[in-house]
Amino acid sequence: MDRIRIQAWVACATVLGALAACAPIKPAPSSAGSPAARPSCTAAVAGDPLVGNWLSVSSQKGVAGSVRRLYTLNSDGTMSYVEQVKRPRAPSQGLDESGCWSHEGQTLVLRTLESNGSPVNLNDPIYTNRHRVDRVNATELRLSGPAGSVQARRMSPGYRLPF
């Protein structure tokens, strides 16, 4: 009888250990990742010509296929940025960021708060991008920045990149 009890205890301990190993581990909250530390977006000025969906399709040296970028600049100051590499005979690869945007003089400022669904380190300068607005009208947007120039066309509201 004692041997059966010991085997039962060992079996229970093994099952409990396996269940504990499967439990998700929550990271300790940090000041950079806490919702309270997240900045709120500031609404765009009424009639700002940058509000809308802007699609850029380009080729880059050394990249097979095309690079598609969709900038969605909402009037409430929120933004999303989707970049997708579309290659022949291969699945698309991409980046999906969201956050806030602002129009400061001739500069478009994109501030990423989440990248591919995960909060970013707000102190990392890679998540704040500044582009000089060279031209914007009802159908076309031209930007220039550290990564080069971007030429985009206005898309209909709700437009999304196809996979």
N, C-alpha and C. Protein backbone atom coordinates (compact mmCIF):
# COMPACT_ATOMS: atom_id res chain seq x y z
N MET A 1 0.81 -1.19 0.00
CA MET A 1 0.00 0.00 0.00
C MET A 1 0.85 1.26 0.00
N ASP A 2 1.95 1.26 0.75
CA ASP A 2 2.83 2.42 0.80
C ASP A 2 3.46 2.69 -0.56
N ARG A 3 3.81 1.62 -1.25
CA ARG A 3 4.42 1.78 -2.57
C ARG A 3 3.45 2.43 -3.55
N ILE A 4 2.17 2.10 -3.49
CA ILE A 4 1.15 2.68 -4.36
C ILE A 4 0.98 4.17 -4.03
N ARG A 5 0.99 4.52 -2.74
CA ARG A 5 0.87 5.92 -2.35
C ARG A 5 2.07 6.73 -2.85
N ILE A 6 3.25 6.19 -2.74
CA ILE A 6 4.45 6.89 -3.21
C ILE A 6 4.36 7.10 -4.71
N GLN A 7 3.94 6.06 -5.45
CA GLN A 7 3.80 6.19 -6.90
C GLN A 7 2.74 7.24 -7.26
N ALA A 8 1.66 7.28 -6.51
CA ALA A 8 0.60 8.27 -6.75
C ALA A 8 1.13 9.69 -6.50
N TRP A 9 1.90 9.86 -5.40
CA TRP A 9 2.47 11.17 -5.10
C TRP A 9 3.47 11.60 -6.18
N VAL A 10 4.28 10.67 -6.65
CA VAL A 10 5.25 10.98 -7.69
C VAL A 10 4.51 11.37 -8.98
N ALA A 11 3.45 10.64 -9.30
CA ALA A 11 2.66 10.93 -10.50
C ALA A 11 2.02 12.31 -10.39
N CYS A 12 1.45 12.63 -9.23
CA CYS A 12 0.83 13.95 -9.02
C CYS A 12 1.87 15.07 -9.12
N ALA A 13 3.02 14.86 -8.51
CA ALA A 13 4.08 15.88 -8.55
C ALA A 13 4.57 16.09 -9.98
N THR A 14 4.65 15.01 -10.76
CA THR A 14 5.07 15.12 -12.15
C THR A 14 4.06 15.90 -12.96
N VAL A 15 2.78 15.61 -12.78
CA VAL A 15 1.72 16.31 -13.51
C VAL A 15 1.71 17.79 -13.11
N LEU A 16 1.80 18.09 -11.82
CA LEU A 16 1.82 19.48 -11.37
C LEU A 16 3.04 20.22 -11.90
N GLY A 17 4.18 19.56 -11.94
CA GLY A 17 5.39 20.17 -12.49
C GLY A 17 5.23 20.48 -13.97
N ALA A 18 4.63 19.55 -14.70
CA ALA A 18 4.41 19.77 -16.14
C ALA A 18 3.44 20.92 -16.37
N LEU A 19 2.38 20.99 -15.57
CA LEU A 19 1.43 22.10 -15.70
C LEU A 19 2.09 23.43 -15.36
N ALA A 20 2.91 23.46 -14.35
CA ALA A 20 3.59 24.70 -13.97
C ALA A 20 4.55 25.15 -15.07
N ALA A 21 5.18 24.21 -15.74
CA ALA A 21 6.10 24.56 -16.83
C ALA A 21 5.36 25.16 -18.02
N CYS A 22 4.10 24.82 -18.19
CA CYS A 22 3.31 25.33 -19.31
C CYS A 22 2.68 26.68 -19.00
N ALA A 23 2.67 27.11 -17.78
CA ALA A 23 2.04 28.38 -17.41
C ALA A 23 2.81 29.54 -18.02
N PRO A 24 2.09 30.53 -18.58
CA PRO A 24 2.80 31.67 -19.16
C PRO A 24 3.49 32.50 -18.09
N ILE A 25 4.65 33.01 -18.44
CA ILE A 25 5.40 33.84 -17.52
C ILE A 25 5.18 35.29 -17.93
N LYS A 26 4.67 36.10 -17.03
CA LYS A 26 4.44 37.51 -17.32
C LYS A 26 5.68 38.29 -16.93
N PRO A 27 6.19 39.09 -17.88
CA PRO A 27 7.36 39.89 -17.53
C PRO A 27 7.00 40.98 -16.53
N ALA A 28 7.98 41.36 -15.75
CA ALA A 28 7.76 42.43 -14.79
C ALA A 28 7.50 43.72 -15.55
N PRO A 29 6.50 44.50 -15.13
CA PRO A 29 6.22 45.73 -15.85
C PRO A 29 7.38 46.70 -15.73
N SER A 30 7.69 47.37 -16.83
CA SER A 30 8.74 48.39 -16.81
C SER A 30 8.10 49.74 -17.09
N SER A 31 8.80 50.78 -16.75
CA SER A 31 8.22 52.10 -16.98
C SER A 31 8.05 52.38 -18.46
N ALA A 32 8.92 51.80 -19.33
CA ALA A 32 8.81 52.03 -20.77
C ALA A 32 7.64 51.25 -21.36
N GLY A 33 7.27 50.14 -20.76
CA GLY A 33 6.24 49.31 -21.35
C GLY A 33 4.89 49.42 -20.67
N SER A 34 4.78 50.19 -19.61
CA SER A 34 3.51 50.26 -18.90
C SER A 34 2.53 51.15 -19.65
N PRO A 35 1.24 50.77 -19.64
CA PRO A 35 0.25 51.57 -20.35
C PRO A 35 0.19 53.01 -19.83
N ALA A 36 0.47 53.22 -18.55
CA ALA A 36 0.39 54.56 -18.00
C ALA A 36 1.47 55.46 -18.60
N ALA A 37 2.61 54.87 -19.00
CA ALA A 37 3.71 55.65 -19.53
C ALA A 37 3.53 55.94 -21.03
N ARG A 38 2.58 55.32 -21.66
CA ARG A 38 2.35 55.50 -23.08
C ARG A 38 1.80 56.90 -23.35
N PRO A 39 2.39 57.62 -24.29
CA PRO A 39 1.86 58.95 -24.61
C PRO A 39 0.53 58.84 -25.33
N SER A 40 -0.28 59.84 -25.18
CA SER A 40 -1.53 59.87 -25.92
C SER A 40 -1.29 60.67 -27.20
N CYS A 41 -2.02 60.33 -28.22
CA CYS A 41 -1.85 60.98 -29.51
C CYS A 41 -2.63 62.30 -29.52
N THR A 42 -2.11 63.27 -30.25
CA THR A 42 -2.76 64.57 -30.38
C THR A 42 -3.43 64.63 -31.74
N ALA A 43 -4.69 65.04 -31.76
CA ALA A 43 -5.43 65.10 -33.02
C ALA A 43 -4.78 66.07 -34.00
N ALA A 44 -4.90 65.75 -35.28
CA ALA A 44 -4.36 66.60 -36.34
C ALA A 44 -5.20 67.86 -36.46
N VAL A 45 -4.61 68.89 -37.01
CA VAL A 45 -5.32 70.13 -37.29
C VAL A 45 -6.40 69.81 -38.33
N ALA A 46 -7.57 70.39 -38.15
CA ALA A 46 -8.67 70.15 -39.10
C ALA A 46 -8.21 70.49 -40.52
N GLY A 47 -8.47 69.57 -41.44
CA GLY A 47 -8.11 69.78 -42.84
C GLY A 47 -6.66 69.48 -43.18
N ASP A 48 -5.91 68.88 -42.25
CA ASP A 48 -4.50 68.57 -42.55
C ASP A 48 -4.45 67.64 -43.76
N PRO A 49 -3.72 68.02 -44.80
CA PRO A 49 -3.69 67.21 -46.03
C PRO A 49 -2.99 65.87 -45.87
N LEU A 50 -2.26 65.65 -44.77
CA LEU A 50 -1.59 64.36 -44.57
C LEU A 50 -2.55 63.27 -44.10
N VAL A 51 -3.70 63.63 -43.57
CA VAL A 51 -4.65 62.62 -43.08
C VAL A 51 -5.08 61.74 -44.26
N GLY A 52 -5.00 60.43 -44.05
CA GLY A 52 -5.43 59.49 -45.08
C GLY A 52 -4.54 58.27 -45.14
N ASN A 53 -4.79 57.45 -46.16
CA ASN A 53 -3.99 56.25 -46.44
C ASN A 53 -3.08 56.55 -47.60
N TRP A 54 -1.79 56.27 -47.42
CA TRP A 54 -0.79 56.56 -48.45
C TRP A 54 0.00 55.29 -48.75
N LEU A 55 0.02 54.90 -50.02
CA LEU A 55 0.69 53.67 -50.45
C LEU A 55 1.91 54.01 -51.30
N SER A 56 3.03 53.40 -50.94
CA SER A 56 4.26 53.53 -51.70
C SER A 56 4.69 52.13 -52.13
N VAL A 57 4.99 51.95 -53.41
CA VAL A 57 5.50 50.69 -53.93
C VAL A 57 6.81 51.00 -54.63
N SER A 58 7.87 50.32 -54.20
CA SER A 58 9.18 50.61 -54.78
C SER A 58 10.02 49.34 -54.82
N SER A 59 11.13 49.45 -55.53
CA SER A 59 12.12 48.38 -55.58
C SER A 59 13.38 48.92 -54.92
N GLN A 60 14.10 48.03 -54.27
CA GLN A 60 15.35 48.42 -53.65
C GLN A 60 16.47 47.55 -54.18
N LYS A 61 17.61 48.17 -54.34
CA LYS A 61 18.77 47.44 -54.84
C LYS A 61 19.09 46.29 -53.87
N GLY A 62 19.25 45.10 -54.41
CA GLY A 62 19.56 43.94 -53.60
C GLY A 62 18.36 43.22 -53.03
N VAL A 63 17.15 43.74 -53.27
CA VAL A 63 15.93 43.09 -52.77
C VAL A 63 15.13 42.58 -53.96
N ALA A 64 14.90 41.27 -54.00
CA ALA A 64 14.08 40.69 -55.07
C ALA A 64 12.62 41.00 -54.78
N GLY A 65 11.92 41.50 -55.77
CA GLY A 65 10.52 41.83 -55.58
C GLY A 65 10.33 43.30 -55.27
N SER A 66 9.20 43.62 -54.65
CA SER A 66 8.88 45.01 -54.36
C SER A 66 8.67 45.22 -52.87
N VAL A 67 8.87 46.45 -52.46
CA VAL A 67 8.63 46.84 -51.07
C VAL A 67 7.41 47.74 -51.08
N ARG A 68 6.40 47.36 -50.32
CA ARG A 68 5.17 48.14 -50.22
C ARG A 68 5.08 48.73 -48.82
N ARG A 69 4.74 50.01 -48.78
CA ARG A 69 4.57 50.70 -47.49
C ARG A 69 3.22 51.37 -47.49
N LEU A 70 2.46 51.15 -46.44
CA LEU A 70 1.17 51.80 -46.29
C LEU A 70 1.20 52.62 -45.01
N TYR A 71 1.06 53.92 -45.17
CA TYR A 71 0.98 54.84 -44.03
C TYR A 71 -0.49 55.20 -43.85
N THR A 72 -1.04 54.92 -42.68
CA THR A 72 -2.40 55.32 -42.37
C THR A 72 -2.32 56.38 -41.28
N LEU A 73 -2.63 57.61 -41.66
CA LEU A 73 -2.55 58.75 -40.75
C LEU A 73 -3.97 59.20 -40.45
N ASN A 74 -4.44 58.92 -39.24
CA ASN A 74 -5.81 59.22 -38.84
C ASN A 74 -5.92 60.63 -38.27
N SER A 75 -7.11 61.22 -38.39
CA SER A 75 -7.32 62.58 -37.91
C SER A 75 -7.19 62.71 -36.40
N ASP A 76 -7.34 61.59 -35.67
CA ASP A 76 -7.20 61.65 -34.20
C ASP A 76 -5.74 61.59 -33.74
N GLY A 77 -4.80 61.57 -34.71
CA GLY A 77 -3.37 61.56 -34.38
C GLY A 77 -2.77 60.17 -34.28
N THR A 78 -3.58 59.12 -34.44
CA THR A 78 -3.05 57.77 -34.43
C THR A 78 -2.57 57.40 -35.83
N MET A 79 -1.65 56.46 -35.89
CA MET A 79 -1.14 56.04 -37.19
C MET A 79 -0.85 54.55 -37.17
N SER A 80 -0.81 54.00 -38.37
CA SER A 80 -0.27 52.65 -38.53
C SER A 80 0.65 52.69 -39.75
N TYR A 81 1.67 51.87 -39.69
CA TYR A 81 2.65 51.80 -40.76
C TYR A 81 2.87 50.32 -41.03
N VAL A 82 2.59 49.91 -42.25
CA VAL A 82 2.78 48.52 -42.65
C VAL A 82 3.78 48.49 -43.79
N GLU A 83 4.80 47.69 -43.63
CA GLU A 83 5.80 47.51 -44.68
C GLU A 83 5.81 46.03 -45.04
N GLN A 84 5.77 45.77 -46.34
CA GLN A 84 5.68 44.39 -46.80
C GLN A 84 6.64 44.19 -47.97
N VAL A 85 7.44 43.13 -47.87
CA VAL A 85 8.30 42.74 -48.99
C VAL A 85 7.58 41.64 -49.74
N LYS A 86 7.26 41.91 -50.98
CA LYS A 86 6.52 40.96 -51.82
C LYS A 86 7.50 40.41 -52.85
N ARG A 87 7.80 39.10 -52.73
CA ARG A 87 8.76 38.46 -53.62
C ARG A 87 8.06 37.39 -54.45
N PRO A 88 8.58 37.15 -55.66
CA PRO A 88 7.99 36.10 -56.48
C PRO A 88 8.20 34.72 -55.83
N ARG A 89 7.18 33.92 -55.87
CA ARG A 89 7.22 32.53 -55.38
C ARG A 89 7.65 32.41 -53.92
N ALA A 90 7.34 33.41 -53.11
CA ALA A 90 7.68 33.35 -51.69
C ALA A 90 6.61 34.12 -50.91
N PRO A 91 6.35 33.69 -49.69
CA PRO A 91 5.35 34.42 -48.89
C PRO A 91 5.85 35.83 -48.57
N SER A 92 4.92 36.75 -48.42
CA SER A 92 5.26 38.12 -48.06
C SER A 92 5.83 38.16 -46.65
N GLN A 93 6.74 39.09 -46.43
CA GLN A 93 7.27 39.33 -45.10
C GLN A 93 6.98 40.77 -44.77
N GLY A 94 6.70 41.05 -43.49
CA GLY A 94 6.33 42.42 -43.21
C GLY A 94 6.56 42.88 -41.80
N LEU A 95 6.26 44.14 -41.63
CA LEU A 95 6.37 44.85 -40.38
C LEU A 95 5.07 45.61 -40.19
N ASP A 96 4.52 45.58 -38.99
CA ASP A 96 3.26 46.26 -38.71
C ASP A 96 3.44 47.09 -37.44
N GLU A 97 3.44 48.40 -37.59
CA GLU A 97 3.65 49.28 -36.45
C GLU A 97 2.46 50.20 -36.27
N SER A 98 2.26 50.62 -35.03
CA SER A 98 1.19 51.58 -34.75
C SER A 98 1.67 52.55 -33.69
N GLY A 99 1.04 53.71 -33.67
CA GLY A 99 1.42 54.73 -32.71
C GLY A 99 0.77 56.05 -33.01
N CYS A 100 1.56 57.13 -32.93
CA CYS A 100 1.06 58.48 -33.12
C CYS A 100 1.83 59.17 -34.24
N TRP A 101 1.21 60.17 -34.84
CA TRP A 101 1.88 60.97 -35.85
C TRP A 101 1.58 62.43 -35.59
N SER A 102 2.47 63.28 -36.08
CA SER A 102 2.23 64.72 -36.00
C SER A 102 2.85 65.40 -37.22
N HIS A 103 2.32 66.55 -37.54
CA HIS A 103 2.77 67.34 -38.68
C HIS A 103 3.33 68.63 -38.10
N GLU A 104 4.66 68.72 -38.07
CA GLU A 104 5.34 69.86 -37.46
C GLU A 104 6.03 70.66 -38.55
N GLY A 105 5.41 71.73 -38.98
CA GLY A 105 5.98 72.53 -40.08
C GLY A 105 6.01 71.71 -41.35
N GLN A 106 7.19 71.49 -41.90
CA GLN A 106 7.35 70.67 -43.11
C GLN A 106 7.83 69.26 -42.76
N THR A 107 7.59 68.83 -41.52
CA THR A 107 8.07 67.52 -41.07
C THR A 107 6.91 66.63 -40.61
N LEU A 108 6.92 65.39 -41.09
CA LEU A 108 6.00 64.36 -40.62
C LEU A 108 6.76 63.54 -39.59
N VAL A 109 6.22 63.47 -38.37
CA VAL A 109 6.86 62.71 -37.30
C VAL A 109 6.00 61.49 -37.00
N LEU A 110 6.60 60.30 -37.12
CA LEU A 110 5.93 59.05 -36.80
C LEU A 110 6.55 58.50 -35.53
N ARG A 111 5.71 58.27 -34.52
CA ARG A 111 6.19 57.74 -33.24
C ARG A 111 5.55 56.38 -33.02
N THR A 112 6.34 55.33 -33.12
CA THR A 112 5.85 53.96 -32.96
C THR A 112 5.70 53.63 -31.48
N LEU A 113 4.52 53.09 -31.12
CA LEU A 113 4.26 52.64 -29.76
C LEU A 113 4.22 51.12 -29.68
N GLU A 114 3.80 50.48 -30.78
CA GLU A 114 3.78 49.02 -30.86
C GLU A 114 4.34 48.58 -32.20
N SER A 115 5.15 47.54 -32.18
CA SER A 115 5.70 46.97 -33.39
C SER A 115 5.33 45.49 -33.43
N ASN A 116 4.63 45.09 -34.47
CA ASN A 116 4.13 43.72 -34.61
C ASN A 116 3.37 43.28 -33.36
N GLY A 117 2.59 44.20 -32.78
CA GLY A 117 1.73 43.89 -31.64
C GLY A 117 2.39 43.96 -30.28
N SER A 118 3.68 44.25 -30.21
CA SER A 118 4.39 44.31 -28.92
C SER A 118 4.78 45.75 -28.61
N PRO A 119 4.64 46.15 -27.35
CA PRO A 119 5.07 47.50 -26.97
C PRO A 119 6.56 47.67 -27.21
N VAL A 120 6.95 48.88 -27.58
CA VAL A 120 8.36 49.16 -27.86
C VAL A 120 8.96 49.97 -26.71
N ASN A 121 10.27 50.04 -26.68
CA ASN A 121 10.98 50.86 -25.72
C ASN A 121 10.90 52.30 -26.21
N LEU A 122 10.14 53.13 -25.53
CA LEU A 122 9.93 54.50 -25.97
C LEU A 122 11.19 55.34 -25.93
N ASN A 123 12.21 54.89 -25.22
CA ASN A 123 13.47 55.63 -25.16
C ASN A 123 14.40 55.31 -26.32
N ASP A 124 14.05 54.31 -27.13
CA ASP A 124 14.89 53.93 -28.26
C ASP A 124 14.55 54.85 -29.45
N PRO A 125 15.52 55.61 -29.93
CA PRO A 125 15.24 56.57 -31.01
C PRO A 125 14.82 55.93 -32.33
N ILE A 126 15.03 54.64 -32.49
CA ILE A 126 14.64 53.99 -33.75
C ILE A 126 13.13 54.04 -33.96
N TYR A 127 12.37 54.23 -32.89
CA TYR A 127 10.91 54.24 -32.99
C TYR A 127 10.31 55.63 -33.20
N THR A 128 11.14 56.63 -33.43
CA THR A 128 10.67 57.96 -33.82
C THR A 128 11.32 58.29 -35.15
N ASN A 129 10.50 58.47 -36.18
CA ASN A 129 11.00 58.74 -37.52
C ASN A 129 10.50 60.09 -38.00
N ARG A 130 11.40 60.85 -38.57
CA ARG A 130 11.08 62.18 -39.10
C ARG A 130 11.32 62.19 -40.61
N HIS A 131 10.31 62.67 -41.33
CA HIS A 131 10.39 62.76 -42.79
C HIS A 131 10.04 64.18 -43.20
N ARG A 132 10.85 64.76 -44.06
CA ARG A 132 10.51 66.08 -44.59
C ARG A 132 9.39 65.90 -45.62
N VAL A 133 8.36 66.70 -45.52
CA VAL A 133 7.25 66.65 -46.48
C VAL A 133 7.65 67.54 -47.65
N ASP A 134 7.98 66.91 -48.79
CA ASP A 134 8.38 67.66 -49.97
C ASP A 134 7.17 68.10 -50.79
N ARG A 135 6.12 67.27 -50.76
CA ARG A 135 4.92 67.60 -51.52
C ARG A 135 3.75 66.80 -50.97
N VAL A 136 2.61 67.44 -50.86
CA VAL A 136 1.38 66.74 -50.49
C VAL A 136 0.22 67.45 -51.18
N ASN A 137 -0.62 66.66 -51.83
CA ASN A 137 -1.85 67.19 -52.41
C ASN A 137 -2.91 66.11 -52.32
N ALA A 138 -3.98 66.24 -53.06
CA ALA A 138 -5.11 65.31 -52.94
C ALA A 138 -4.76 63.89 -53.35
N THR A 139 -3.73 63.71 -54.19
CA THR A 139 -3.42 62.37 -54.69
C THR A 139 -2.01 61.89 -54.43
N GLU A 140 -1.10 62.79 -54.05
CA GLU A 140 0.30 62.40 -53.97
C GLU A 140 0.97 62.94 -52.70
N LEU A 141 1.89 62.11 -52.17
CA LEU A 141 2.69 62.49 -51.01
C LEU A 141 4.14 62.14 -51.32
N ARG A 142 5.02 63.11 -51.14
CA ARG A 142 6.46 62.88 -51.32
C ARG A 142 7.16 63.26 -50.04
N LEU A 143 7.94 62.30 -49.53
CA LEU A 143 8.68 62.49 -48.29
C LEU A 143 10.16 62.24 -48.54
N SER A 144 10.99 62.84 -47.71
CA SER A 144 12.41 62.49 -47.74
C SER A 144 12.90 62.41 -46.31
N GLY A 145 13.82 61.50 -46.09
CA GLY A 145 14.35 61.30 -44.75
C GLY A 145 15.65 60.55 -44.80
N PRO A 146 16.11 60.08 -43.65
CA PRO A 146 17.40 59.40 -43.58
C PRO A 146 17.48 58.16 -44.47
N ALA A 147 16.36 57.48 -44.69
CA ALA A 147 16.37 56.26 -45.49
C ALA A 147 16.13 56.54 -46.97
N GLY A 148 16.04 57.82 -47.35
CA GLY A 148 15.81 58.16 -48.76
C GLY A 148 14.46 58.80 -48.96
N SER A 149 14.03 58.82 -50.21
CA SER A 149 12.76 59.46 -50.52
C SER A 149 11.64 58.43 -50.68
N VAL A 150 10.43 58.89 -50.41
CA VAL A 150 9.24 58.05 -50.52
C VAL A 150 8.24 58.80 -51.38
N GLN A 151 7.71 58.13 -52.38
CA GLN A 151 6.65 58.70 -53.19
C GLN A 151 5.43 57.80 -53.00
N ALA A 152 4.34 58.37 -52.52
CA ALA A 152 3.15 57.58 -52.21
C ALA A 152 1.92 58.21 -52.87
N ARG A 153 0.92 57.37 -53.09
CA ARG A 153 -0.35 57.86 -53.63
C ARG A 153 -1.45 57.61 -52.62
N ARG A 154 -2.45 58.48 -52.65
CA ARG A 154 -3.57 58.36 -51.71
C ARG A 154 -4.43 57.16 -52.10
N MET A 155 -4.80 56.40 -51.09
CA MET A 155 -5.67 55.24 -51.29
C MET A 155 -7.00 55.51 -50.58
N SER A 156 -7.99 54.71 -50.89
CA SER A 156 -9.31 54.90 -50.28
C SER A 156 -9.26 54.57 -48.79
N PRO A 157 -10.16 55.18 -48.01
CA PRO A 157 -10.21 54.85 -46.57
C PRO A 157 -10.45 53.35 -46.40
N GLY A 158 -9.77 52.76 -45.43
CA GLY A 158 -9.94 51.34 -45.16
C GLY A 158 -9.07 50.44 -46.02
N TYR A 159 -8.31 51.01 -46.95
CA TYR A 159 -7.44 50.19 -47.80
C TYR A 159 -6.42 49.45 -46.94
N ARG A 160 -6.16 48.18 -47.27
CA ARG A 160 -5.16 47.37 -46.59
C ARG A 160 -4.29 46.69 -47.64
N LEU A 161 -3.06 46.37 -47.24
CA LEU A 161 -2.17 45.68 -48.17
C LEU A 161 -2.62 44.23 -48.34
N PRO A 162 -2.69 43.76 -49.58
CA PRO A 162 -3.02 42.35 -49.79
C PRO A 162 -1.81 41.46 -49.48
N PHE A 163 -2.07 40.25 -49.03
CA PHE A 163 -0.97 39.32 -48.80
C PHE A 163 -0.85 38.50 -49.99
